[in-house]
Amino acid sequence: MAARVCVVLVAVVVLGWLAVMERDTRLEARGAAAIRPGAGTATLARAEADLKDSRLLSPDAQPDVDLALLYRARGQIDRASATIEDVVRREPDNLVAWGVLAVLARGRDSAAFERAVEASERLDPLSAARRERRERP
């Protein structure tokens, strides 16, 4: 009897966790979809809330990458850069995050831009090879 109770309790916990993950996925998708050219202040505020809420029990860094893009859309470049720097510090193999950092740093922070390009080339050697071919005379 005790074994059955334990199995039921474990099942309830797993189902609860799966429900939270589903909620997080939906919130992240809704928040990311709202980040588009011409989005109004209220839309971006709701997207920010959705993206922050989508991090509950989630190890995924994508909501933070999307938050950096949202801050960029608002013109908060320093906040966007700090957010994406945190992502690449936590996930040094996140190619998308390095790409966002390169976009944010271009023309503003040459050291961060170079770090982002080097990391992108390390993570995507085919892209580095294509770049070398383009740069040859």
Protein backbone atom coordinates (compact mmCIF):
# COMPACT_ATOMS: atom_id res chain seq x y z
CA MET A 1 0.00 0.00 0.00
CA ALA A 2 2.79 2.45 0.89
CA ALA A 3 4.49 1.80 -2.47
CA ARG A 4 1.31 2.76 -4.32
CA VAL A 5 0.99 5.96 -2.35
CA CYS A 6 4.61 6.84 -3.18
CA VAL A 7 4.01 6.15 -6.88
CA VAL A 8 0.91 8.37 -6.84
CA LEU A 9 2.80 11.17 -5.08
CA VAL A 10 5.67 10.98 -7.56
CA ALA A 11 3.19 11.01 -10.45
CA VAL A 12 1.45 14.10 -9.05
CA VAL A 13 4.77 15.92 -8.65
CA VAL A 14 5.85 15.01 -12.20
CA LEU A 15 2.51 16.12 -13.65
CA GLY A 16 2.76 19.40 -11.76
CA TRP A 17 6.27 19.99 -13.06
CA LEU A 18 5.15 19.21 -16.63
CA ALA A 19 2.25 21.65 -16.26
CA VAL A 20 4.65 24.39 -15.17
CA MET A 21 6.95 23.63 -18.13
CA GLU A 22 3.98 23.85 -20.52
CA ARG A 23 2.96 27.18 -19.00
CA ASP A 24 6.54 28.47 -19.29
CA THR A 25 6.73 27.43 -22.95
CA ARG A 26 3.48 29.22 -23.79
CA LEU A 27 4.49 32.39 -21.96
CA GLU A 28 7.91 32.44 -23.65
CA ALA A 29 6.34 31.99 -27.08
CA ARG A 30 3.78 34.75 -26.45
CA GLY A 31 6.45 37.12 -25.13
CA ALA A 32 8.81 36.45 -28.03
CA ALA A 33 6.04 36.91 -30.59
CA ALA A 34 5.28 40.37 -29.21
CA ILE A 35 8.80 41.63 -29.93
CA ARG A 36 8.34 43.04 -33.39
CA PRO A 37 8.86 46.37 -35.13
CA GLY A 38 6.19 48.87 -34.20
CA ALA A 39 5.13 47.09 -31.01
CA GLY A 40 3.63 49.55 -28.57
CA THR A 41 4.69 50.26 -25.03
CA ALA A 42 1.87 48.21 -23.53
CA THR A 43 2.63 45.25 -25.79
CA LEU A 44 6.31 45.31 -24.85
CA ALA A 45 5.45 45.63 -21.14
CA ARG A 46 3.21 42.55 -21.39
CA ALA A 47 5.92 40.71 -23.32
CA GLU A 48 8.46 41.54 -20.61
CA ALA A 49 6.13 40.20 -17.92
CA ASP A 50 5.49 37.04 -19.94
CA LEU A 51 9.19 36.43 -20.51
CA LYS A 52 10.07 36.97 -16.86
CA ASP A 53 7.23 34.69 -15.76
CA SER A 54 8.32 31.99 -18.22
CA ARG A 55 11.53 31.42 -16.27
CA LEU A 56 9.75 29.61 -13.41
CA LEU A 57 11.54 26.29 -12.83
CA SER A 58 13.02 26.48 -16.32
CA PRO A 59 16.72 26.02 -17.06
CA ASP A 60 16.25 27.47 -20.57
CA ALA A 61 18.09 30.73 -21.31
CA GLN A 62 15.89 31.63 -24.30
CA PRO A 63 13.58 33.90 -22.25
CA ASP A 64 16.63 35.92 -21.22
CA VAL A 65 17.83 36.14 -24.83
CA ASP A 66 14.36 37.38 -25.77
CA LEU A 67 14.45 39.89 -22.89
CA ALA A 68 17.70 41.28 -24.27
CA LEU A 69 16.02 41.71 -27.67
CA LEU A 70 13.03 43.36 -25.99
CA TYR A 71 15.29 45.82 -24.16
CA ARG A 72 16.99 46.59 -27.47
CA ALA A 73 13.59 47.26 -29.06
CA ARG A 74 12.91 49.74 -26.25
CA GLY A 75 16.24 51.43 -26.84
CA GLN A 76 17.67 50.18 -23.52
CA ILE A 77 20.93 49.03 -25.06
CA ASP A 78 22.93 48.94 -21.81
CA ARG A 79 20.27 46.79 -20.14
CA ALA A 80 20.09 44.54 -23.21
CA SER A 81 23.88 44.14 -23.20
CA ALA A 82 23.98 43.31 -19.48
CA THR A 83 21.22 40.72 -19.93
CA ILE A 84 22.89 38.98 -22.85
CA GLU A 85 26.32 39.13 -21.16
CA ASP A 86 24.75 37.24 -18.26
CA VAL A 87 23.44 34.60 -20.68
CA VAL A 88 26.82 34.03 -22.36
CA ARG A 89 28.47 33.87 -18.94
CA ARG A 90 26.03 31.11 -17.88
CA GLU A 91 25.97 29.36 -21.28
CA PRO A 92 29.26 29.93 -23.14
CA ASP A 93 28.15 27.53 -25.90
CA ASN A 94 24.93 29.40 -26.72
CA LEU A 95 25.48 30.43 -30.35
CA VAL A 96 22.29 32.51 -30.51
CA ALA A 97 23.26 34.51 -27.42
CA TRP A 98 26.72 35.23 -28.86
CA GLY A 99 25.05 36.40 -32.07
CA VAL A 100 22.80 38.77 -30.14
CA LEU A 101 25.81 40.07 -28.22
CA ALA A 102 27.60 40.74 -31.51
CA VAL A 103 24.63 42.73 -32.80
CA LEU A 104 24.36 44.73 -29.57
CA ALA A 105 28.11 45.39 -29.33
CA ARG A 106 28.76 46.30 -32.98
CA GLY A 107 29.96 49.89 -33.09
CA ARG A 108 29.60 50.31 -29.32
CA ASP A 109 31.97 47.88 -27.60
CA SER A 110 34.73 46.52 -29.79
CA ALA A 111 36.04 44.09 -27.13
CA ALA A 112 32.60 42.51 -26.63
CA PHE A 113 32.07 42.41 -30.38
CA GLU A 114 35.37 40.58 -30.92
CA ARG A 115 34.60 38.12 -28.11
CA ALA A 116 31.22 37.43 -29.68
CA VAL A 117 32.67 36.90 -33.16
CA GLU A 118 35.40 34.60 -31.82
CA ALA A 119 32.87 32.57 -29.84
CA SER A 120 30.55 32.35 -32.84
CA GLU A 121 33.39 31.11 -35.03
CA ARG A 122 34.39 28.58 -32.37
CA LEU A 123 30.83 27.30 -32.10
CA ASP A 124 30.10 27.39 -35.84
CA PRO A 125 33.31 26.63 -37.77
CA LEU A 126 31.46 26.46 -41.10
CA SER A 127 30.37 30.06 -40.66
CA ALA A 128 33.98 31.03 -39.94
CA ALA A 129 35.14 29.28 -43.12
CA ARG A 130 32.49 31.10 -45.20
CA ARG A 131 33.61 34.41 -43.70
CA GLU A 132 37.25 33.70 -44.54
CA ARG A 133 36.35 32.94 -48.17
CA ARG A 134 34.42 36.22 -48.44
CA GLU A 135 37.31 38.22 -47.00
CA ARG A 136 39.93 36.81 -49.41
CA PRO A 137 40.87 39.10 -52.29
